[in-house]
Amino acid sequence: MRATYLTITILSLSILIACNQKSGSGDSKSQADTVTAALKTEYEAHDGEVFPMNIQKGGAIKSVDQIRVQAMGIINHRNQEEPKALAMLTYAFWNPEFVYNAGSISKVGDYDGYWIKFDDNFRYRCGINDKVTGGGRYHFRLEDKSLYMLDDNVEYEPKVWTVNYNGTVMAIVGTHEYGVNNGMQIKLVEMDDKPVI
């Protein structure tokens, strides 16, 4: 059964990658614009600010579509292997209290009002105060403390974090897997609910 599932997954990924390459850059661009426009209606914009987990370390990845397909396959496979989300992530809203990126650290209060919520269905939502500004899919595996995140916005690269958990505080550290968040560190603190202005 597991071998059949793996074969189907690999075949599906190969077809998706081939279709992506065949469609050409114009089709890919219009598809990305359509999805991005749909996301703007689904999520509320907030002054063009990027949620801390989507800040890029620097540089651009040439083939975002291909690595998104790869990350989706990994998340789907891991969700099949471990189909139950862990309460240590899902029980609370999390505020990114500090963000360390490219040699600088955020100031106290820079991310007041920001939150992320990991749901039991392996989806996450993020926002500012009472607004949901984004979301995506995730999987966390306790065995190796790895957190895969794939934003709904097709312009964002997938990210892999190493999670260090200590009760009401989580520290996540970016890995080299996709490179875009390598070395980034975010301290997340527990909140009972999302903040409201």
C-alpha atoms as a PDB file:
ATOM      1  CA  MET A   1       0.000   0.000   0.000  1.00  0.00           C
ATOM      2  CA  ARG A   2       2.763   2.428   0.966  1.00  0.00           C
ATOM      3  CA  ALA A   3       4.751   1.559  -2.184  1.00  0.00           C
ATOM      4  CA  THR A   4       1.654   2.154  -4.341  1.00  0.00           C
ATOM      5  CA  TYR A   5       1.058   5.522  -2.691  1.00  0.00           C
ATOM      6  CA  LEU A   6       4.699   6.518  -3.185  1.00  0.00           C
ATOM      7  CA  THR A   7       4.548   5.489  -6.860  1.00  0.00           C
ATOM      8  CA  ILE A   8       1.350   7.510  -7.410  1.00  0.00           C
ATOM      9  CA  THR A   9       2.872  10.522  -5.636  1.00  0.00           C
ATOM     10  CA  ILE A  10       6.042  10.413  -7.749  1.00  0.00           C
ATOM     11  CA  LEU A  11       3.997  10.003 -10.939  1.00  0.00           C
ATOM     12  CA  SER A  12       1.725  12.919  -9.974  1.00  0.00           C
ATOM     13  CA  LEU A  13       4.698  15.145  -9.192  1.00  0.00           C
ATOM     14  CA  SER A  14       6.333  14.256 -12.516  1.00  0.00           C
ATOM     15  CA  ILE A  15       3.151  15.138 -14.407  1.00  0.00           C
ATOM     16  CA  LEU A  16       2.787  18.437 -12.521  1.00  0.00           C
ATOM     17  CA  ILE A  17       6.400  19.410 -13.206  1.00  0.00           C
ATOM     18  CA  ALA A  18       6.075  18.450 -16.891  1.00  0.00           C
ATOM     19  CA  CYS A  19       2.867  20.474 -17.221  1.00  0.00           C
ATOM     20  CA  ASN A  20       4.532  23.448 -15.543  1.00  0.00           C
ATOM     21  CA  GLN A  21       7.482  23.307 -17.924  1.00  0.00           C
ATOM     22  CA  LYS A  22       5.268  22.809 -20.970  1.00  0.00           C
ATOM     23  CA  SER A  23       2.904  25.671 -20.197  1.00  0.00           C
ATOM     24  CA  GLY A  24       5.554  28.352 -20.771  1.00  0.00           C
ATOM     25  CA  SER A  25       6.431  31.384 -18.717  1.00  0.00           C
ATOM     26  CA  GLY A  26       3.482  33.488 -19.967  1.00  0.00           C
ATOM     27  CA  ASP A  27       0.902  30.946 -18.779  1.00  0.00           C
ATOM     28  CA  SER A  28       2.718  30.509 -15.484  1.00  0.00           C
ATOM     29  CA  LYS A  29       2.748  34.268 -14.923  1.00  0.00           C
ATOM     30  CA  SER A  30      -0.978  34.663 -15.671  1.00  0.00           C
ATOM     31  CA  GLN A  31      -1.771  31.678 -13.424  1.00  0.00           C
ATOM     32  CA  ALA A  32       0.285  33.226 -10.619  1.00  0.00           C
ATOM     33  CA  ASP A  33      -1.495  36.566 -11.112  1.00  0.00           C
ATOM     34  CA  THR A  34      -4.886  34.846 -10.960  1.00  0.00           C
ATOM     35  CA  VAL A  35      -4.027  32.957  -7.770  1.00  0.00           C
ATOM     36  CA  THR A  36      -2.513  36.076  -6.195  1.00  0.00           C
ATOM     37  CA  ALA A  37      -5.637  38.099  -7.058  1.00  0.00           C
ATOM     38  CA  ALA A  38      -7.826  35.382  -5.489  1.00  0.00           C
ATOM     39  CA  LEU A  39      -5.690  35.476  -2.354  1.00  0.00           C
ATOM     40  CA  LYS A  40      -6.114  39.243  -2.089  1.00  0.00           C
ATOM     41  CA  THR A  41      -9.870  38.718  -1.893  1.00  0.00           C
ATOM     42  CA  GLU A  42      -9.598  35.776   0.518  1.00  0.00           C
ATOM     43  CA  TYR A  43      -7.183  37.492   2.893  1.00  0.00           C
ATOM     44  CA  GLU A  44      -7.229  41.096   3.984  1.00  0.00           C
ATOM     45  CA  ALA A  45      -4.292  43.250   3.005  1.00  0.00           C
ATOM     46  CA  HIS A  46      -2.417  45.120   5.729  1.00  0.00           C
ATOM     47  CA  ASP A  47      -0.402  48.017   4.324  1.00  0.00           C
ATOM     48  CA  GLY A  48       1.707  45.676   2.204  1.00  0.00           C
ATOM     49  CA  GLU A  49       3.532  44.293   5.254  1.00  0.00           C
ATOM     50  CA  VAL A  50       4.938  40.789   4.971  1.00  0.00           C
ATOM     51  CA  PHE A  51       4.334  38.310   7.767  1.00  0.00           C
ATOM     52  CA  PRO A  52       7.670  37.574   9.502  1.00  0.00           C
ATOM     53  CA  MET A  53       7.832  33.959   8.349  1.00  0.00           C
ATOM     54  CA  ASN A  54       7.667  35.123   4.726  1.00  0.00           C
ATOM     55  CA  ILE A  55      10.512  37.632   4.945  1.00  0.00           C
ATOM     56  CA  GLN A  56      13.224  36.534   2.552  1.00  0.00           C
ATOM     57  CA  LYS A  57      16.819  36.230   3.612  1.00  0.00           C
ATOM     58  CA  GLY A  58      17.938  37.689   0.308  1.00  0.00           C
ATOM     59  CA  GLY A  59      18.245  36.663  -3.290  1.00  0.00           C
ATOM     60  CA  ALA A  60      15.618  35.015  -5.411  1.00  0.00           C
ATOM     61  CA  ILE A  61      15.064  31.387  -6.242  1.00  0.00           C
ATOM     62  CA  LYS A  62      14.795  30.868 -10.004  1.00  0.00           C
ATOM     63  CA  SER A  63      12.151  28.150 -10.077  1.00  0.00           C
ATOM     64  CA  VAL A  64       9.649  28.861  -7.326  1.00  0.00           C
ATOM     65  CA  ASP A  65       6.975  26.744  -9.031  1.00  0.00           C
ATOM     66  CA  GLN A  66       9.131  23.613  -9.006  1.00  0.00           C
ATOM     67  CA  ILE A  67      10.177  23.856  -5.381  1.00  0.00           C
ATOM     68  CA  ARG A  68       6.554  24.579  -4.372  1.00  0.00           C
ATOM     69  CA  VAL A  69       5.471  21.363  -6.124  1.00  0.00           C
ATOM     70  CA  GLN A  70       8.270  19.478  -4.346  1.00  0.00           C
ATOM     71  CA  ALA A  71       7.302  20.947  -0.952  1.00  0.00           C
ATOM     72  CA  MET A  72       3.614  20.121  -1.522  1.00  0.00           C
ATOM     73  CA  GLY A  73       4.577  16.513  -2.243  1.00  0.00           C
ATOM     74  CA  ILE A  74       6.647  16.315   0.925  1.00  0.00           C
ATOM     75  CA  ILE A  75       3.863  17.843   3.055  1.00  0.00           C
ATOM     76  CA  ASN A  76       1.250  15.499   1.546  1.00  0.00           C
ATOM     77  CA  HIS A  77       3.480  12.477   2.161  1.00  0.00           C
ATOM     78  CA  ARG A  78       4.212  13.484   5.749  1.00  0.00           C
ATOM     79  CA  ASN A  79       0.508  14.141   6.407  1.00  0.00           C
ATOM     80  CA  GLN A  80      -0.231  10.582   5.243  1.00  0.00           C
ATOM     81  CA  GLU A  81       2.500   9.115   7.457  1.00  0.00           C
ATOM     82  CA  GLU A  82       1.557  11.190  10.513  1.00  0.00           C
ATOM     83  CA  PRO A  83      -2.075  12.272  10.060  1.00  0.00           C
ATOM     84  CA  LYS A  84      -2.534  13.861  13.483  1.00  0.00           C
ATOM     85  CA  ALA A  85      -1.389  17.417  14.177  1.00  0.00           C
ATOM     86  CA  LEU A  86       0.477  17.963  17.445  1.00  0.00           C
ATOM     87  CA  ALA A  87      -1.245  19.946  20.185  1.00  0.00           C
ATOM     88  CA  MET A  88       2.000  21.718  21.104  1.00  0.00           C
ATOM     89  CA  LEU A  89       1.500  23.794  17.936  1.00  0.00           C
ATOM     90  CA  THR A  90      -2.275  23.917  17.586  1.00  0.00           C
ATOM     91  CA  TYR A  91      -3.458  24.781  21.094  1.00  0.00           C
ATOM     92  CA  ALA A  92      -2.660  28.509  20.932  1.00  0.00           C
ATOM     93  CA  PHE A  93      -2.129  31.554  18.767  1.00  0.00           C
ATOM     94  CA  TRP A  94       1.556  32.494  18.473  1.00  0.00           C
ATOM     95  CA  ASN A  95       3.044  35.987  18.369  1.00  0.00           C
ATOM     96  CA  PRO A  96       6.412  36.508  16.633  1.00  0.00           C
ATOM     97  CA  GLU A  97       7.989  38.531  19.425  1.00  0.00           C
ATOM     98  CA  PHE A  98      11.473  38.803  17.896  1.00  0.00           C
ATOM     99  CA  VAL A  99      12.811  38.155  14.406  1.00  0.00           C
ATOM    100  CA  TYR A 100      16.525  37.751  13.693  1.00  0.00           C
ATOM    101  CA  ASN A 101      17.431  38.002  10.018  1.00  0.00           C
ATOM    102  CA  ALA A 102      20.596  38.851   8.086  1.00  0.00           C
ATOM    103  CA  GLY A 103      22.506  39.997  11.159  1.00  0.00           C
ATOM    104  CA  SER A 104      19.832  42.254  12.645  1.00  0.00           C
ATOM    105  CA  ILE A 105      17.143  41.679  15.243  1.00  0.00           C
ATOM    106  CA  SER A 106      13.733  43.315  15.447  1.00  0.00           C
ATOM    107  CA  LYS A 107      12.962  45.833  18.189  1.00  0.00           C
ATOM    108  CA  VAL A 108      10.571  45.289  21.081  1.00  0.00           C
ATOM    109  CA  GLY A 109       7.035  45.879  19.804  1.00  0.00           C
ATOM    110  CA  ASP A 110       7.827  45.627  16.079  1.00  0.00           C
ATOM    111  CA  TYR A 111       5.462  42.670  15.762  1.00  0.00           C
ATOM    112  CA  ASP A 112       2.779  43.587  18.295  1.00  0.00           C
ATOM    113  CA  GLY A 113      -0.560  42.415  16.945  1.00  0.00           C
ATOM    114  CA  TYR A 114       0.922  39.819  14.591  1.00  0.00           C
ATOM    115  CA  TRP A 115      -0.128  36.197  15.071  1.00  0.00           C
ATOM    116  CA  ILE A 116      -0.042  32.758  13.508  1.00  0.00           C
ATOM    117  CA  LYS A 117      -2.400  29.871  14.248  1.00  0.00           C
ATOM    118  CA  PHE A 118      -1.638  26.268  13.318  1.00  0.00           C
ATOM    119  CA  ASP A 119      -4.873  24.294  12.876  1.00  0.00           C
ATOM    120  CA  ASP A 120      -5.556  20.576  13.328  1.00  0.00           C
ATOM    121  CA  ASN A 121      -6.167  20.103   9.579  1.00  0.00           C
ATOM    122  CA  PHE A 122      -2.525  20.993   8.753  1.00  0.00           C
ATOM    123  CA  ARG A 123      -3.470  24.488   7.627  1.00  0.00           C
ATOM    124  CA  TYR A 124      -2.199  27.677   9.204  1.00  0.00           C
ATOM    125  CA  ARG A 125      -3.539  31.215   9.251  1.00  0.00           C
ATOM    126  CA  CYS A 126      -1.621  34.364  10.039  1.00  0.00           C
ATOM    127  CA  GLY A 127      -2.621  37.948  10.479  1.00  0.00           C
ATOM    128  CA  ILE A 128      -2.478  41.218  12.279  1.00  0.00           C
ATOM    129  CA  ASN A 129      -4.941  41.979  15.061  1.00  0.00           C
ATOM    130  CA  ASP A 130      -8.407  40.853  13.912  1.00  0.00           C
ATOM    131  CA  LYS A 131      -7.453  40.502  10.219  1.00  0.00           C
ATOM    132  CA  VAL A 132      -6.397  37.254   8.550  1.00  0.00           C
ATOM    133  CA  THR A 133      -3.732  38.319   6.054  1.00  0.00           C
ATOM    134  CA  GLY A 134      -2.444  34.942   4.883  1.00  0.00           C
ATOM    135  CA  GLY A 135      -2.298  31.223   5.333  1.00  0.00           C
ATOM    136  CA  GLY A 136      -1.067  27.981   3.923  1.00  0.00           C
ATOM    137  CA  ARG A 137      -0.253  24.348   4.610  1.00  0.00           C
ATOM    138  CA  TYR A 138       2.210  22.895   7.091  1.00  0.00           C
ATOM    139  CA  HIS A 139       3.465  19.741   8.705  1.00  0.00           C
ATOM    140  CA  PHE A 140       5.457  19.404  11.903  1.00  0.00           C
ATOM    141  CA  ARG A 141       7.304  16.223  12.835  1.00  0.00           C
ATOM    142  CA  LEU A 142       8.464  15.929  16.433  1.00  0.00           C
ATOM    143  CA  GLU A 143      11.043  13.238  15.612  1.00  0.00           C
ATOM    144  CA  ASP A 144      13.375  15.678  13.850  1.00  0.00           C
ATOM    145  CA  LYS A 145      11.660  18.922  14.993  1.00  0.00           C
ATOM    146  CA  SER A 146      11.120  19.951  11.358  1.00  0.00           C
ATOM    147  CA  LEU A 147       8.300  22.298  10.377  1.00  0.00           C
ATOM    148  CA  TYR A 148       7.484  22.517   6.655  1.00  0.00           C
ATOM    149  CA  MET A 149       5.432  25.549   5.615  1.00  0.00           C
ATOM    150  CA  LEU A 150       3.952  26.288   2.182  1.00  0.00           C
ATOM    151  CA  ASP A 151       2.166  29.618   1.880  1.00  0.00           C
ATOM    152  CA  ASP A 152      -0.982  29.871  -0.244  1.00  0.00           C
ATOM    153  CA  ASN A 153       0.616  32.791  -2.070  1.00  0.00           C
ATOM    154  CA  VAL A 154       2.436  31.296  -5.076  1.00  0.00           C
ATOM    155  CA  GLU A 155       5.055  34.048  -4.915  1.00  0.00           C
ATOM    156  CA  TYR A 156       6.449  32.738  -1.606  1.00  0.00           C
ATOM    157  CA  GLU A 157       8.997  29.964  -1.483  1.00  0.00           C
ATOM    158  CA  PRO A 158       8.364  27.053   0.883  1.00  0.00           C
ATOM    159  CA  LYS A 159      10.262  27.129   4.143  1.00  0.00           C
ATOM    160  CA  VAL A 160      11.580  24.535   6.553  1.00  0.00           C
ATOM    161  CA  TRP A 161      12.235  25.414  10.194  1.00  0.00           C
ATOM    162  CA  THR A 162      13.727  23.575  13.153  1.00  0.00           C
ATOM    163  CA  VAL A 163      11.424  24.033  16.155  1.00  0.00           C
ATOM    164  CA  ASN A 164      12.623  24.349  19.741  1.00  0.00           C
ATOM    165  CA  TYR A 165       9.664  24.275  22.102  1.00  0.00           C
ATOM    166  CA  ASN A 166       9.579  25.229  25.772  1.00  0.00           C
ATOM    167  CA  GLY A 167       6.029  25.407  27.072  1.00  0.00           C
ATOM    168  CA  THR A 168       4.724  28.868  26.194  1.00  0.00           C
ATOM    169  CA  VAL A 169       7.647  29.818  23.934  1.00  0.00           C
ATOM    170  CA  MET A 170       8.813  28.454  20.590  1.00  0.00           C
ATOM    171  CA  ALA A 171      11.994  29.358  18.778  1.00  0.00           C
ATOM    172  CA  ILE A 172      12.124  28.452  15.120  1.00  0.00           C
ATOM    173  CA  VAL A 173      15.351  28.450  13.132  1.00  0.00           C
ATOM    174  CA  GLY A 174      15.451  28.489   9.340  1.00  0.00           C
ATOM    175  CA  THR A 175      17.213  25.622   7.621  1.00  0.00           C
ATOM    176  CA  HIS A 176      19.234  25.434   4.423  1.00  0.00           C
ATOM    177  CA  GLU A 177      16.713  23.136   2.703  1.00  0.00           C
ATOM    178  CA  TYR A 178      15.254  25.872   0.468  1.00  0.00           C
ATOM    179  CA  GLY A 179      17.794  28.508   1.466  1.00  0.00           C
ATOM    180  CA  VAL A 180      15.464  31.476   1.601  1.00  0.00           C
ATOM    181  CA  ASN A 181      15.142  31.373   5.408  1.00  0.00           C
ATOM    182  CA  ASN A 182      18.512  29.802   6.223  1.00  0.00           C
ATOM    183  CA  GLY A 183      19.739  31.174   9.551  1.00  0.00           C
ATOM    184  CA  MET A 184      16.618  33.226  10.279  1.00  0.00           C
ATOM    185  CA  GLN A 185      15.348  32.865  13.843  1.00  0.00           C
ATOM    186  CA  ILE A 186      11.926  33.771  15.195  1.00  0.00           C
ATOM    187  CA  LYS A 187      10.855  33.701  18.827  1.00  0.00           C
ATOM    188  CA  LEU A 188       7.132  32.930  19.098  1.00  0.00           C
ATOM    189  CA  VAL A 189       5.216  33.417  22.327  1.00  0.00           C
ATOM    190  CA  GLU A 190       1.865  31.883  23.198  1.00  0.00           C
ATOM    191  CA  MET A 191      -1.333  33.966  23.103  1.00  0.00           C
ATOM    192  CA  ASP A 192      -4.803  32.847  24.209  1.00  0.00           C
ATOM    193  CA  ASP A 193      -6.456  34.537  21.245  1.00  0.00           C
ATOM    194  CA  LYS A 194      -5.591  36.818  18.375  1.00  0.00           C
ATOM    195  CA  PRO A 195      -5.248  40.451  19.457  1.00  0.00           C
ATOM    196  CA  VAL A 196      -7.959  42.967  18.599  1.00  0.00           C
ATOM    197  CA  ILE A 197      -7.365  46.700  18.283  1.00  0.00           C
END
